[in-house]
Amino acid sequence: MLEKLTNTFGDIIRTVSGKSTISEKNIEETVEKIKMALLEADVNLRVVRRFVNSTIEEAKGEKVLHAVDPGQQFVKIIYDKIVSLLGDTKQDLKLKGPDTQSVILLLGLQGAGKTTAAHKLAARLKKEGRNPLLVAGDLIRPAAVEQLSILAKKIEVPVYKEETSDAVKVAKNAVAYAKRNGLDTVIIDTAGRLQIDDTMMRELFDIKKSTEPVEVLLVADAMTGQNAVDIAKTFDERLGLTGIILTKFDSDARGGAALSLKSITGKPILFIGTGEKTEDFEQFHPDRIASRILGMGDIVSLVERAQQTVDTEEATRLQQKMARNEFTLEDMLMQFRQVKKMGSMQSLMEMMPGLAGQLNGRDIDTSMMKHQEAIILAMTKKERVNHLIIGPSRRKRIAKGSGTTVAEVNKLIKQFEKIKLTMKKLSRNKGMQAKLMQQFAGMKQ
C-alpha cells in the first residue's frame, strides 16, 4: 500500500537523516521533492501548499538549524506534519452503551465496497462484545441482499431483509426489530449509484431521518484519489458525515485520498480495508500510517496482528519445546502456517522497520516457503519428528513427492538444523534472551 509515496519518502528521509548540518537551501530542496511526491500521489493541491508552507516555516527555525542532530529533527517535523494531515490521532466509533441501541448508516457510491465493509465492521464489533444486526438496505444493486446474507452467515451475525423496494421502510423496521431482539448495534447497508444523484440523496436523507444514526460513515474507494475527496465533500454537505471508511487501501499505491480527506472534509478516517478477508479491516492510526509512508515500518500493528492470529497455548508449548531442544520439522511447518495467517508477505514487510519501502513495487517471491512446506508435507510423521533418520534414499523420495529436488530437500534440512542450533543457544543464554526482549520493547515505544 502507498508504495510510490513510501519509496519516494524513504529515499528523502534516508538522505536527510544522515546530514550532520542542514542549511536553508537543503530544506528548500528537500521540501520541493516532498511537494512533487505529494502531487504525484494525487494529494489535493491546497493540502500540498499548506503542508509545504508550514514545513518550511518550522524547519527554518532555530530548533532545526542549530540542533545537535538537525537531520533527525527535520525528519521529525516531516513525520509530525504527515500525522497531522492524516488526522493526528485515531478516532473511535461514538457508540452508545450496550444497553442502548446505536445505529450506523453506511453511504457511498456503487462499487466502493459498502456491503463488504458492513460485514467486516459487524465482525469487528461482535469481537468487541457488541450484538450487531446487518440491514440489507441496498435494494438497487442486483444480488446485494443475497451477498450481505451470505457474508452475515459467515460471521454468524443476523441480517434483516424484506421483500420490498422501500429501503426507508426496511431501515425503520430493522431498528424496531433490533430493539425487540436485544441487538445493540444496527449497521445499515444502503444503495449506491455510479454517480451522485438527487434520488439517491433523498432516499439516504429519509433513512437517516427515520433511524437517527449515531454514525454516518462514507465508504470510499482509496484508489480513486481526489475523486474520493470530492465525493466525501458532497455527501457531507448533503447528509452530514461523521467519519470515513477507506476500502482497497492495500491496493492504493499513491495515497492521495488518505492524505487529503481529513484536511478537506474535516472528517476522520476511522477504518481501512486492507484485503479481501473478513479480518482485513483495521482501525486507522495516523501515526502508524505516517511511519509506513516514511519507510519506518509499523511494529505496533505487526505485534497486534501476531497477537490476533497466534494461538497463545500453541506458542507457549512451542517455547517449552525450544527450551528442551525438541523443536521438530512438524513445528517448523506450523510456523509457516502461522506466518501465512498473519497476511501477505508484502503487508508484513511494510510493517518491519528497515524493510518498509524496499520492495519498489515488486512482489515478494513466496515460492521458497511454498516449496519448503511441500517438502515437509511429503515426509512421514516419523521423519518430521526425527529428521536424523532422513538418509539419501528418503531424501530422493521426499524430493519426488514434493515436486522439488534433492538439493532443495538438503537445503531445508540444513536450514532447520541451523534454526534448531540457534534456539538451543538462545534457550541456554538468559543474557541473550534479555537483550532480545529489550530490543523488542524498544521497538514498541
Protein backbone atom coordinates (compact mmCIF):
# COMPACT_ATOMS: atom_id res chain seq x y z
CA MET A 1 0.00 0.00 0.00
CA LEU A 2 1.14 3.56 -0.79
CA GLU A 3 4.22 2.07 -2.48
CA LYS A 4 5.08 5.07 -4.68
CA LEU A 5 4.85 7.52 -1.81
CA THR A 6 6.76 5.24 0.56
CA ASN A 7 9.58 4.68 -1.93
CA THR A 8 10.00 8.41 -2.62
CA PHE A 9 9.72 9.48 1.01
CA GLY A 10 12.01 6.64 2.10
CA ASP A 11 14.76 7.97 -0.20
CA ILE A 12 14.22 11.54 1.03
CA ILE A 13 14.32 10.51 4.70
CA ARG A 14 17.48 8.42 4.26
CA THR A 15 19.22 11.38 2.62
CA VAL A 16 18.10 13.98 5.16
CA SER A 17 18.56 11.92 8.34
CA GLY A 18 22.22 11.36 7.54
CA LYS A 19 23.12 15.04 7.34
CA SER A 20 25.15 16.49 10.22
CA THR A 21 24.34 20.05 9.13
CA ILE A 22 21.30 21.47 7.36
CA SER A 23 21.03 24.79 5.54
CA GLU A 24 18.00 26.71 4.36
CA LYS A 25 18.90 25.61 0.84
CA ASN A 26 18.85 21.91 1.94
CA ILE A 27 15.44 22.46 3.47
CA GLU A 28 14.01 24.14 0.34
CA GLU A 29 15.38 21.41 -1.95
CA THR A 30 14.01 18.63 0.26
CA VAL A 31 10.61 20.25 0.63
CA GLU A 32 10.42 20.70 -3.16
CA LYS A 33 10.99 16.93 -3.55
CA ILE A 34 8.28 16.28 -0.97
CA LYS A 35 5.93 18.65 -2.80
CA MET A 36 6.43 16.76 -6.09
CA ALA A 37 5.94 13.41 -4.32
CA LEU A 38 2.64 14.56 -2.81
CA LEU A 39 1.36 15.96 -6.11
CA GLU A 40 2.30 12.72 -7.90
CA ALA A 41 0.42 10.85 -5.15
CA ASP A 42 -2.71 12.82 -6.17
CA VAL A 43 -2.88 14.78 -2.90
CA ASN A 44 -5.15 17.83 -3.05
CA LEU A 45 -3.24 20.93 -4.23
CA ARG A 46 -4.50 23.08 -1.34
CA VAL A 47 -3.35 20.43 1.14
CA VAL A 48 0.10 20.25 -0.52
CA ARG A 49 0.54 24.03 -0.32
CA ARG A 50 -0.37 24.09 3.38
CA PHE A 51 1.98 21.19 4.07
CA VAL A 52 4.89 22.79 2.20
CA ASN A 53 4.47 26.26 3.75
CA SER A 54 4.14 25.01 7.34
CA THR A 55 7.07 22.56 6.93
CA ILE A 56 9.42 25.24 5.53
CA GLU A 57 8.41 27.71 8.24
CA GLU A 58 9.04 25.27 11.07
CA ALA A 59 12.17 23.68 9.55
CA LYS A 60 13.91 27.02 9.10
CA GLY A 61 13.58 27.82 12.78
CA GLU A 62 16.38 27.72 15.32
CA LYS A 63 15.17 24.31 16.56
CA VAL A 64 16.38 22.57 13.38
CA LEU A 65 19.25 24.67 12.01
CA HIS A 66 21.07 24.71 15.36
CA ALA A 67 20.01 21.29 16.68
CA VAL A 68 22.55 18.71 17.81
CA ASP A 69 21.13 16.36 15.17
CA PRO A 70 19.41 18.62 12.59
CA GLY A 71 18.74 15.79 10.11
CA GLN A 72 16.72 13.80 12.64
CA GLN A 73 14.98 16.97 13.82
CA PHE A 74 13.92 17.76 10.25
CA VAL A 75 12.65 14.19 9.77
CA LYS A 76 10.60 14.57 12.97
CA ILE A 77 8.94 17.70 11.56
CA ILE A 78 8.06 15.89 8.31
CA TYR A 79 6.65 12.96 10.30
CA ASP A 80 4.56 15.24 12.54
CA LYS A 81 3.18 17.10 9.51
CA ILE A 82 2.10 13.86 7.81
CA VAL A 83 0.46 12.64 11.03
CA SER A 84 -1.42 15.95 11.18
CA LEU A 85 -2.56 15.55 7.56
CA LEU A 86 -3.88 12.08 8.32
CA GLY A 87 -5.85 13.25 11.36
CA ASP A 88 -3.45 13.47 14.34
CA THR A 89 -4.91 10.68 16.49
CA LYS A 90 -7.07 7.62 15.90
CA GLN A 91 -10.81 8.15 16.27
CA ASP A 92 -13.19 5.58 17.75
CA LEU A 93 -16.82 4.99 16.82
CA LYS A 94 -19.04 7.05 19.10
CA LEU A 95 -21.42 4.25 20.05
CA LYS A 96 -23.85 4.30 22.94
CA GLY A 97 -23.56 1.82 25.81
CA PRO A 98 -24.53 -1.83 25.19
CA ASP A 99 -27.89 -1.27 26.94
CA THR A 100 -28.80 1.43 24.40
CA GLN A 101 -29.18 0.96 20.68
CA SER A 102 -26.69 2.52 18.23
CA VAL A 103 -27.39 2.86 14.51
CA ILE A 104 -24.56 3.10 11.96
CA LEU A 105 -25.52 4.28 8.48
CA LEU A 106 -23.16 3.39 5.62
CA LEU A 107 -23.20 5.54 2.48
CA GLY A 108 -21.22 5.60 -0.75
CA LEU A 109 -21.21 5.17 -4.50
CA GLN A 110 -21.75 1.81 -6.17
CA GLY A 111 -18.58 -0.26 -6.24
CA ALA A 112 -16.95 1.41 -3.23
CA GLY A 113 -17.36 -1.74 -1.13
CA LYS A 114 -20.18 -0.82 1.28
CA THR A 115 -21.57 -4.35 1.64
CA THR A 116 -18.17 -5.88 2.31
CA ALA A 117 -17.31 -3.05 4.72
CA ALA A 118 -20.63 -3.60 6.55
CA HIS A 119 -19.87 -7.26 7.25
CA LYS A 120 -16.26 -6.53 8.26
CA LEU A 121 -17.43 -3.82 10.66
CA ALA A 122 -20.06 -6.18 12.10
CA ALA A 123 -17.42 -8.88 12.65
CA ARG A 124 -15.14 -6.39 14.40
CA LEU A 125 -17.92 -5.09 16.68
CA LYS A 126 -19.02 -8.64 17.52
CA LYS A 127 -15.45 -9.46 18.54
CA GLU A 128 -15.51 -6.39 20.80
CA GLY A 129 -18.62 -7.69 22.60
CA ARG A 130 -21.42 -5.90 20.72
CA ASN A 131 -24.51 -7.63 19.30
CA PRO A 132 -24.79 -6.29 15.75
CA LEU A 133 -27.58 -6.56 13.20
CA LEU A 134 -26.84 -6.13 9.50
CA VAL A 135 -29.56 -4.48 7.44
CA ALA A 136 -29.95 -5.22 3.73
CA GLY A 137 -30.91 -1.72 2.60
CA ASP A 138 -29.34 -1.84 -0.88
CA LEU A 139 -32.39 -2.69 -2.95
CA ILE A 140 -30.96 -1.38 -6.24
CA ARG A 141 -27.88 -3.46 -6.99
CA PRO A 142 -28.73 -6.99 -8.17
CA ALA A 143 -27.80 -9.68 -5.61
CA ALA A 144 -26.78 -7.08 -2.97
CA VAL A 145 -29.24 -8.55 -0.43
CA GLU A 146 -28.04 -12.09 -1.17
CA GLN A 147 -24.39 -11.01 -0.87
CA LEU A 148 -24.97 -9.45 2.55
CA SER A 149 -26.90 -12.55 3.69
CA ILE A 150 -24.00 -14.83 2.70
CA LEU A 151 -21.44 -12.60 4.43
CA ALA A 152 -23.62 -12.29 7.55
CA LYS A 153 -23.94 -16.08 7.78
CA LYS A 154 -20.16 -16.42 7.50
CA ILE A 155 -19.61 -14.31 10.65
CA GLU A 156 -22.76 -15.59 12.41
CA VAL A 157 -24.44 -12.18 12.59
CA PRO A 158 -28.20 -11.82 11.94
CA VAL A 159 -29.32 -9.92 8.85
CA TYR A 160 -32.63 -8.07 8.44
CA LYS A 161 -34.25 -8.07 4.98
CA GLU A 162 -37.69 -7.67 3.46
CA GLU A 163 -39.34 -8.38 0.10
CA THR A 164 -39.94 -4.73 -0.80
CA SER A 165 -38.46 -1.89 -2.83
CA ASP A 166 -38.86 0.63 0.02
CA ALA A 167 -35.41 1.00 1.62
CA VAL A 168 -36.66 3.57 4.17
CA LYS A 169 -39.28 1.10 5.42
CA VAL A 170 -36.66 -1.68 5.67
CA ALA A 171 -34.31 0.52 7.71
CA LYS A 172 -37.06 1.72 10.06
CA ASN A 173 -38.42 -1.80 10.63
CA ALA A 174 -34.90 -3.13 11.17
CA VAL A 175 -34.31 -0.71 14.04
CA ALA A 176 -37.56 -1.83 15.68
CA TYR A 177 -36.62 -5.49 15.13
CA ALA A 178 -33.22 -4.92 16.76
CA LYS A 179 -34.84 -3.35 19.83
CA ARG A 180 -37.22 -6.29 20.24
CA ASN A 181 -34.37 -8.80 19.97
CA GLY A 182 -31.73 -7.12 22.13
CA LEU A 183 -29.38 -6.25 19.26
CA ASP A 184 -27.46 -3.15 20.33
CA THR A 185 -25.79 -2.11 17.04
CA VAL A 186 -27.64 -1.72 13.74
CA ILE A 187 -25.45 -1.45 10.63
CA ILE A 188 -27.44 -0.29 7.59
CA ASP A 189 -26.09 -1.07 4.14
CA THR A 190 -27.55 1.32 1.56
CA ALA A 191 -27.84 1.58 -2.21
CA GLY A 192 -25.25 3.46 -4.20
CA ARG A 193 -25.22 4.78 -7.74
CA LEU A 194 -22.48 5.14 -10.32
CA GLN A 195 -22.65 8.84 -9.57
CA ILE A 196 -24.37 11.10 -7.03
CA ASP A 197 -27.96 11.96 -7.91
CA ASP A 198 -30.94 13.58 -6.15
CA THR A 199 -32.96 10.35 -5.97
CA MET A 200 -30.22 8.58 -4.02
CA MET A 201 -29.65 11.56 -1.74
CA ARG A 202 -33.37 11.89 -0.92
CA GLU A 203 -33.58 8.18 -0.04
CA LEU A 204 -30.49 8.41 2.20
CA PHE A 205 -31.82 11.57 3.86
CA ASP A 206 -35.13 9.80 4.66
CA ILE A 207 -33.30 6.73 6.02
CA LYS A 208 -31.16 8.95 8.23
CA LYS A 209 -34.20 10.87 9.49
CA SER A 210 -36.17 7.71 10.32
CA THR A 211 -33.32 5.81 12.05
CA GLU A 212 -31.39 8.62 13.81
CA PRO A 213 -27.90 7.09 13.41
CA VAL A 214 -25.07 7.91 15.82
CA GLU A 215 -22.57 7.41 12.99
CA VAL A 216 -23.00 8.33 9.31
CA LEU A 217 -19.99 6.80 7.56
CA LEU A 218 -18.94 7.25 3.96
CA VAL A 219 -17.41 4.14 2.39
CA ALA A 220 -14.91 5.41 -0.20
CA ASP A 221 -12.53 3.66 -2.60
CA ALA A 222 -8.95 4.70 -1.72
CA MET A 223 -7.81 4.06 -5.29
CA THR A 224 -9.97 6.88 -6.68
CA GLY A 225 -7.73 9.53 -5.07
CA GLN A 226 -9.07 13.07 -5.43
CA ASN A 227 -12.38 11.71 -6.66
CA ALA A 228 -12.93 10.17 -3.21
CA VAL A 229 -12.31 13.59 -1.62
CA ASP A 230 -14.85 15.31 -3.92
CA ILE A 231 -17.43 12.57 -3.19
CA ALA A 232 -16.86 12.94 0.56
CA LYS A 233 -17.38 16.71 0.36
CA THR A 234 -20.69 16.28 -1.48
CA PHE A 235 -22.03 13.60 0.87
CA ASP A 236 -21.01 15.66 3.89
CA GLU A 237 -22.72 18.81 2.58
CA ARG A 238 -25.95 16.94 1.84
CA LEU A 239 -26.12 14.44 4.71
CA GLY A 240 -23.54 15.35 7.36
CA LEU A 241 -20.87 12.66 7.69
CA THR A 242 -19.27 11.66 10.99
CA GLY A 243 -16.43 9.60 9.53
CA ILE A 244 -14.96 7.66 6.61
CA ILE A 245 -14.07 4.05 5.82
CA LEU A 246 -11.39 3.76 3.10
CA THR A 247 -11.63 0.50 1.18
CA LYS A 248 -8.98 -1.10 -1.08
CA PHE A 249 -6.27 0.63 0.94
CA ASP A 250 -3.95 -2.32 0.32
CA SER A 251 -4.15 -1.66 -3.44
CA ASP A 252 -3.64 2.12 -3.20
CA ALA A 253 -0.12 2.84 -4.46
CA ARG A 254 -0.47 6.63 -4.31
CA GLY A 255 -2.24 7.69 -1.09
CA GLY A 256 -3.91 10.88 -2.32
CA ALA A 257 -7.27 10.14 -0.69
CA ALA A 258 -5.82 9.22 2.72
CA LEU A 259 -3.64 12.34 2.83
CA SER A 260 -6.35 14.74 1.66
CA LEU A 261 -9.63 13.62 3.24
CA LYS A 262 -9.20 14.90 6.80
CA SER A 263 -7.83 18.30 5.74
CA ILE A 264 -10.51 18.94 3.13
CA THR A 265 -13.60 17.46 4.81
CA GLY A 266 -12.66 17.71 8.46
CA LYS A 267 -13.99 14.16 8.91
CA PRO A 268 -11.75 11.43 10.35
CA ILE A 269 -10.83 8.20 8.59
CA LEU A 270 -11.99 5.56 11.07
CA PHE A 271 -11.18 2.28 9.32
CA ILE A 272 -9.27 0.99 6.29
CA GLY A 273 -9.94 -2.15 4.25
CA THR A 274 -6.63 -3.94 3.73
CA GLY A 275 -7.64 -7.11 1.86
CA GLU A 276 -10.45 -9.46 0.92
CA LYS A 277 -10.70 -11.44 4.16
CA THR A 278 -13.12 -10.53 6.94
CA GLU A 279 -10.25 -9.70 9.30
CA ASP A 280 -8.59 -7.39 6.74
CA PHE A 281 -10.18 -4.35 8.35
CA GLU A 282 -8.02 -2.11 10.52
CA GLN A 283 -8.66 0.88 12.69
CA PHE A 284 -6.95 3.89 11.13
CA HIS A 285 -3.94 5.09 13.15
CA PRO A 286 -2.48 8.30 11.62
CA ASP A 287 0.86 7.89 13.40
CA ARG A 288 1.30 4.29 12.21
CA ILE A 289 0.38 5.10 8.61
CA ALA A 290 2.81 8.06 8.69
CA SER A 291 5.56 5.66 9.82
CA ARG A 292 4.78 3.34 6.92
CA ILE A 293 4.79 6.23 4.42
CA LEU A 294 8.23 7.34 5.63
CA GLY A 295 9.56 3.78 5.35
CA MET A 296 9.92 3.42 9.13
CA GLY A 297 7.66 0.37 9.39
CA ASP A 298 4.86 -0.21 11.87
CA ILE A 299 5.98 -2.63 14.55
CA VAL A 300 2.95 -1.98 16.81
CA SER A 301 0.48 -3.12 14.13
CA LEU A 302 2.71 -6.11 13.37
CA VAL A 303 2.65 -7.20 17.03
CA GLU A 304 -1.13 -6.68 17.22
CA ARG A 305 -1.65 -8.79 14.12
CA ALA A 306 0.54 -11.54 15.60
CA GLN A 307 -1.46 -11.44 18.85
CA GLN A 308 -4.71 -11.84 16.90
CA THR A 309 -3.54 -14.80 14.82
CA VAL A 310 -1.11 -16.74 17.02
CA ASP A 311 -2.59 -19.35 19.33
CA THR A 312 -1.27 -18.45 22.82
CA GLU A 313 -1.33 -22.04 24.12
CA GLU A 314 0.43 -23.27 20.98
CA ALA A 315 3.06 -20.52 21.31
CA THR A 316 3.71 -21.50 24.95
CA ARG A 317 4.00 -25.17 24.01
CA LEU A 318 6.45 -24.30 21.24
CA GLN A 319 8.52 -22.15 23.59
CA GLN A 320 8.79 -25.06 26.03
CA LYS A 321 9.85 -27.41 23.22
CA MET A 322 12.54 -24.95 22.16
CA ALA A 323 13.84 -24.78 25.73
CA ARG A 324 14.07 -28.59 25.81
CA ASN A 325 15.68 -28.67 22.34
CA GLU A 326 12.71 -30.67 21.00
CA PHE A 327 11.81 -28.39 18.05
CA THR A 328 10.85 -30.54 15.04
CA LEU A 329 10.08 -30.17 11.36
CA GLU A 330 6.40 -30.55 12.33
CA ASP A 331 6.78 -27.42 14.46
CA MET A 332 8.51 -25.64 11.59
CA LEU A 333 5.54 -26.46 9.34
CA MET A 334 3.22 -24.99 11.96
CA GLN A 335 5.29 -21.80 11.98
CA PHE A 336 4.95 -21.45 8.20
CA ARG A 337 1.17 -21.67 8.59
CA GLN A 338 1.11 -19.12 11.43
CA VAL A 339 3.02 -16.64 9.26
CA LYS A 340 0.56 -17.14 6.39
CA LYS A 341 -2.36 -16.42 8.75
CA MET A 342 -0.86 -13.02 9.56
CA GLY A 343 -1.33 -11.87 5.96
CA SER A 344 0.67 -11.45 2.79
CA MET A 345 4.45 -11.17 2.99
CA GLN A 346 4.15 -7.76 1.31
CA SER A 347 1.96 -6.41 4.12
CA LEU A 348 4.27 -7.87 6.79
CA MET A 349 7.35 -6.36 5.10
CA GLU A 350 5.71 -2.92 5.14
CA MET A 351 5.43 -3.12 8.93
CA MET A 352 9.04 -4.12 9.55
CA PRO A 353 11.46 -1.28 10.36
CA GLY A 354 14.31 -1.23 7.85
CA LEU A 355 12.35 -3.27 5.29
CA ALA A 356 9.39 -0.94 4.66
CA GLY A 357 9.66 0.80 1.32
CA GLN A 358 12.30 -1.58 -0.01
CA LEU A 359 10.03 -3.52 -2.36
CA ASN A 360 9.89 -0.76 -5.03
CA GLY A 361 6.60 -2.17 -6.31
CA ARG A 362 7.96 -5.71 -6.71
CA ASP A 363 6.10 -8.74 -5.44
CA ILE A 364 7.89 -10.92 -2.91
CA ASP A 365 8.75 -14.37 -4.20
CA THR A 366 6.92 -16.66 -1.79
CA SER A 367 7.68 -19.77 -3.83
CA MET A 368 10.52 -20.81 -1.49
CA MET A 369 8.20 -21.03 1.51
CA LYS A 370 5.68 -22.99 -0.59
CA HIS A 371 8.43 -25.40 -1.68
CA GLN A 372 9.61 -25.86 1.90
CA GLU A 373 6.06 -26.51 3.06
CA ALA A 374 5.61 -29.07 0.26
CA ILE A 375 8.87 -30.81 1.26
CA ILE A 376 7.80 -31.18 4.90
CA LEU A 377 4.33 -32.40 3.85
CA ALA A 378 6.00 -35.09 1.69
CA MET A 379 7.71 -36.51 4.79
CA THR A 380 6.26 -39.22 7.03
CA LYS A 381 5.25 -38.41 10.59
CA LYS A 382 8.38 -40.17 11.89
CA GLU A 383 10.62 -38.14 9.59
CA ARG A 384 9.09 -34.85 10.72
CA VAL A 385 9.60 -35.75 14.37
CA ASN A 386 13.16 -37.09 13.87
CA HIS A 387 14.98 -35.55 10.88
CA LEU A 388 18.10 -37.61 11.61
CA ILE A 389 16.53 -40.69 10.00
CA ILE A 390 16.19 -38.90 6.65
CA GLY A 391 19.00 -40.54 4.68
CA PRO A 392 19.79 -40.33 0.91
CA SER A 393 17.02 -42.70 -0.25
CA ARG A 394 14.41 -40.92 1.88
CA ARG A 395 15.55 -37.55 0.56
CA LYS A 396 15.07 -38.80 -3.01
CA ARG A 397 11.55 -39.98 -2.19
CA ILE A 398 10.68 -36.69 -0.44
CA ALA A 399 12.02 -34.65 -3.40
CA LYS A 400 9.91 -36.66 -5.82
CA GLY A 401 6.82 -36.46 -3.60
CA SER A 402 7.10 -32.69 -3.19
CA GLY A 403 7.97 -31.89 -6.80
CA THR A 404 11.33 -30.44 -5.77
CA THR A 405 14.98 -31.53 -5.98
CA VAL A 406 17.21 -33.40 -3.56
CA ALA A 407 19.31 -30.23 -3.32
CA GLU A 408 16.24 -28.30 -2.07
CA VAL A 409 15.47 -31.03 0.47
CA ASN A 410 19.09 -30.90 1.69
CA LYS A 411 18.92 -27.12 1.93
CA LEU A 412 15.73 -27.24 4.03
CA ILE A 413 17.19 -29.77 6.45
CA LYS A 414 20.39 -27.70 6.83
CA GLN A 415 18.29 -24.61 7.44
CA PHE A 416 16.23 -26.48 10.03
CA GLU A 417 19.38 -27.71 11.83
CA LYS A 418 20.74 -24.15 11.91
CA ILE A 419 17.47 -22.82 13.38
CA LYS A 420 17.43 -25.58 15.95
CA LEU A 421 21.03 -24.85 16.97
CA THR A 422 20.26 -21.14 17.35
CA MET A 423 17.23 -21.96 19.51
CA LYS A 424 19.34 -24.26 21.66
CA LYS A 425 21.89 -21.50 22.26
CA LEU A 426 19.18 -18.98 22.99
CA SER A 427 17.43 -21.26 25.50
CA ARG A 428 20.69 -21.58 27.47
CA ASN A 429 21.69 -17.92 27.25
CA LYS A 430 19.47 -15.85 29.54
CA GLY A 431 21.52 -12.75 28.75
CA MET A 432 20.81 -13.09 25.04
CA GLN A 433 17.11 -13.59 25.76
CA ALA A 434 17.04 -10.46 27.93
CA LYS A 435 18.82 -8.47 25.23
CA LEU A 436 16.30 -9.58 22.60
CA MET A 437 13.42 -8.63 24.91
CA GLN A 438 14.96 -5.19 25.50
CA GLN A 439 15.31 -4.65 21.75
CA PHE A 440 11.73 -5.75 21.20
CA ALA A 441 10.48 -3.42 23.96
CA GLY A 442 12.47 -0.58 22.41
CA MET A 443 10.82 -1.14 19.02
CA LYS A 444 7.36 -0.88 20.59
CA GLN A 445 7.99 2.56 22.09
